[in-house]
C-alpha cells in the first residue's frame, strides 16, 4: 500500500480515454507503489480530488496481466498521515520496464 496525491496529466505522451478525460498520475508520499496512473473518467466519476491524499494499492487485473492497476482505497485525513507514513515507510516508486 502507499499514500499518493494525484494530478491530471498534461503531457502529449498520454492519450485521453473514450470520454475524452486524461489520466491522473499519483505522486507517492509514503509506501511502495509499482504504478500510479489512474483512469481520468473513473477519477471524475468517483468524485476524487486533485492534491488530496489517498491510501492506494496496486494489483494486476487478470484481463490485462501486463498492466499494473492502481486502486484508490480511501481518502486520508491530515491527522492520519504521520501514522500511515510510519507504517508504510518512505516513498518508493518501483516501476518495472517492459522486457
C-alpha atoms as a PDB file:
ATOM      1  CA  UNK A   1       0.000   0.000   0.000  1.00  0.00           C
ATOM      2  CA  UNK A   2       1.009   3.593  -0.473  1.00  0.00           C
ATOM      3  CA  UNK A   3      -0.108   7.182   0.039  1.00  0.00           C
ATOM      4  CA  UNK A   4      -0.373   9.392  -3.028  1.00  0.00           C
ATOM      5  CA  UNK A   5      -1.791  12.664  -4.268  1.00  0.00           C
ATOM      6  CA  UNK A   6      -2.942  12.917  -7.880  1.00  0.00           C
ATOM      7  CA  UNK A   7      -2.740  15.453 -10.719  1.00  0.00           C
ATOM      8  CA  UNK A   8      -4.229  15.185 -14.198  1.00  0.00           C
ATOM      9  CA  UNK A   9      -1.521  14.688 -16.812  1.00  0.00           C
ATOM     10  CA  UNK A  10      -0.988  17.321 -19.466  1.00  0.00           C
ATOM     11  CA  UNK A  11       1.757  15.601 -21.444  1.00  0.00           C
ATOM     12  CA  UNK A  12       1.126  14.559 -25.032  1.00  0.00           C
ATOM     13  CA  UNK A  13       2.741  11.206 -24.140  1.00  0.00           C
ATOM     14  CA  UNK A  14      -0.676  10.234 -22.745  1.00  0.00           C
ATOM     15  CA  UNK A  15      -3.988   9.971 -24.566  1.00  0.00           C
ATOM     16  CA  UNK A  16      -7.494  10.744 -23.373  1.00  0.00           C
ATOM     17  CA  UNK A  17      -9.883   7.869 -22.727  1.00  0.00           C
ATOM     18  CA  UNK A  18     -13.097   7.297 -24.707  1.00  0.00           C
ATOM     19  CA  UNK A  19     -14.825  10.004 -22.639  1.00  0.00           C
ATOM     20  CA  UNK A  20     -12.052  12.484 -23.518  1.00  0.00           C
ATOM     21  CA  UNK A  21     -10.628  12.510 -19.966  1.00  0.00           C
ATOM     22  CA  UNK A  22      -6.881  12.489 -19.497  1.00  0.00           C
ATOM     23  CA  UNK A  23      -5.478  10.097 -16.868  1.00  0.00           C
ATOM     24  CA  UNK A  24      -4.284  11.151 -13.437  1.00  0.00           C
ATOM     25  CA  UNK A  25      -0.855  10.308 -12.096  1.00  0.00           C
ATOM     26  CA  UNK A  26      -0.031   9.987  -8.429  1.00  0.00           C
ATOM     27  CA  UNK A  27       2.935  11.327  -6.527  1.00  0.00           C
ATOM     28  CA  UNK A  28       3.907   8.728  -3.926  1.00  0.00           C
ATOM     29  CA  UNK A  29       4.149  10.281  -0.457  1.00  0.00           C
ATOM     30  CA  UNK A  30       4.782   7.093   1.557  1.00  0.00           C
ATOM     31  CA  UNK A  31       4.969   3.359   0.932  1.00  0.00           C
ATOM     32  CA  UNK A  32       5.849   1.322  -2.152  1.00  0.00           C
ATOM     33  CA  UNK A  33       3.986   1.644  -5.454  1.00  0.00           C
ATOM     34  CA  UNK A  34       4.531  -0.227  -8.714  1.00  0.00           C
ATOM     35  CA  UNK A  35       2.377   2.230 -10.661  1.00  0.00           C
ATOM     36  CA  UNK A  36       0.334   5.363 -10.013  1.00  0.00           C
ATOM     37  CA  UNK A  37      -1.707   6.039 -13.159  1.00  0.00           C
ATOM     38  CA  UNK A  38      -5.487   6.270 -12.671  1.00  0.00           C
ATOM     39  CA  UNK A  39      -8.171   6.459 -15.362  1.00  0.00           C
ATOM     40  CA  UNK A  40      -9.494  10.018 -15.853  1.00  0.00           C
ATOM     41  CA  UNK A  41     -13.156   9.071 -16.212  1.00  0.00           C
ATOM     42  CA  UNK A  42     -13.061   6.924 -13.066  1.00  0.00           C
ATOM     43  CA  UNK A  43     -11.306   9.706 -11.137  1.00  0.00           C
ATOM     44  CA  UNK A  44     -14.081  12.168 -12.028  1.00  0.00           C
ATOM     45  CA  UNK A  45     -16.922   9.636 -11.626  1.00  0.00           C
ATOM     46  CA  UNK A  46     -15.731   8.669  -8.127  1.00  0.00           C
ATOM     47  CA  UNK A  47     -15.604  12.327  -7.039  1.00  0.00           C
ATOM     48  CA  UNK A  48     -11.882  12.217  -6.274  1.00  0.00           C
ATOM     49  CA  UNK A  49      -9.921  15.454  -5.892  1.00  0.00           C
ATOM     50  CA  UNK A  50      -6.502  16.538  -7.085  1.00  0.00           C
ATOM     51  CA  UNK A  51      -3.849  17.153  -4.406  1.00  0.00           C
ATOM     52  CA  UNK A  52      -5.852  15.247  -1.798  1.00  0.00           C
ATOM     53  CA  UNK A  53      -4.084  12.324  -0.114  1.00  0.00           C
ATOM     54  CA  UNK A  54      -5.372   8.826  -0.782  1.00  0.00           C
ATOM     55  CA  UNK A  55      -4.443   5.390   0.517  1.00  0.00           C
ATOM     56  CA  UNK A  56      -3.844   3.233  -2.554  1.00  0.00           C
ATOM     57  CA  UNK A  57      -2.602  -0.152  -3.662  1.00  0.00           C
ATOM     58  CA  UNK A  58      -1.626  -1.869  -6.886  1.00  0.00           C
ATOM     59  CA  UNK A  59      -2.965  -5.059  -8.419  1.00  0.00           C
ATOM     60  CA  UNK A  60      -2.821  -6.968 -11.673  1.00  0.00           C
ATOM     61  CA  UNK A  61      -6.138  -7.404 -13.482  1.00  0.00           C
ATOM     62  CA  UNK A  62      -6.373 -10.926 -14.932  1.00  0.00           C
ATOM     63  CA  UNK A  63      -7.748  -9.468 -18.184  1.00  0.00           C
ATOM     64  CA  UNK A  64      -4.698  -7.193 -18.535  1.00  0.00           C
ATOM     65  CA  UNK A  65      -1.773  -9.102 -16.964  1.00  0.00           C
ATOM     66  CA  UNK A  66       0.867  -6.740 -18.375  1.00  0.00           C
ATOM     67  CA  UNK A  67      -0.772  -3.663 -16.850  1.00  0.00           C
ATOM     68  CA  UNK A  68      -0.384  -2.661 -13.194  1.00  0.00           C
ATOM     69  CA  UNK A  69      -3.645  -1.187 -11.937  1.00  0.00           C
ATOM     70  CA  UNK A  70      -3.895   1.456  -9.218  1.00  0.00           C
ATOM     71  CA  UNK A  71      -6.764   1.168  -6.753  1.00  0.00           C
ATOM     72  CA  UNK A  72      -7.696   4.130  -4.541  1.00  0.00           C
ATOM     73  CA  UNK A  73      -8.918   2.706  -1.245  1.00  0.00           C
ATOM     74  CA  UNK A  74      -9.844   5.803   0.746  1.00  0.00           C
ATOM     75  CA  UNK A  75      -9.124   9.455   1.390  1.00  0.00           C
ATOM     76  CA  UNK A  76      -6.612  10.152   4.148  1.00  0.00           C
ATOM     77  CA  UNK A  77      -7.013  12.984   6.636  1.00  0.00           C
ATOM     78  CA  UNK A  78      -4.052  15.072   7.737  1.00  0.00           C
ATOM     79  CA  UNK A  79      -4.405  13.531  11.198  1.00  0.00           C
ATOM     80  CA  UNK A  80      -3.743  10.066   9.726  1.00  0.00           C
ATOM     81  CA  UNK A  81      -0.699  10.977   7.617  1.00  0.00           C
ATOM     82  CA  UNK A  82       2.027  10.629  10.260  1.00  0.00           C
ATOM     83  CA  UNK A  83       0.819   7.235  11.472  1.00  0.00           C
ATOM     84  CA  UNK A  84       0.490   5.921   7.906  1.00  0.00           C
ATOM     85  CA  UNK A  85       3.931   7.266   6.955  1.00  0.00           C
ATOM     86  CA  UNK A  86       5.422   5.473   9.960  1.00  0.00           C
ATOM     87  CA  UNK A  87       3.676   2.221   8.982  1.00  0.00           C
ATOM     88  CA  UNK A  88       4.286   2.382   5.218  1.00  0.00           C
ATOM     89  CA  UNK A  89       7.829   3.761   5.241  1.00  0.00           C
ATOM     90  CA  UNK A  90       9.490   6.107   2.797  1.00  0.00           C
ATOM     91  CA  UNK A  91       8.056   6.774  -0.643  1.00  0.00           C
ATOM     92  CA  UNK A  92       9.202   4.328  -3.321  1.00  0.00           C
ATOM     93  CA  UNK A  93       8.002   4.035  -6.897  1.00  0.00           C
ATOM     94  CA  UNK A  94       9.322   0.800  -8.387  1.00  0.00           C
ATOM     95  CA  UNK A  95       8.136   0.576 -11.974  1.00  0.00           C
ATOM     96  CA  UNK A  96       9.500  -2.319 -13.986  1.00  0.00           C
ATOM     97  CA  UNK A  97      10.372  -1.719 -17.615  1.00  0.00           C
ATOM     98  CA  UNK A  98       8.879  -3.944 -20.325  1.00  0.00           C
ATOM     99  CA  UNK A  99      11.109  -6.786 -21.408  1.00  0.00           C
END
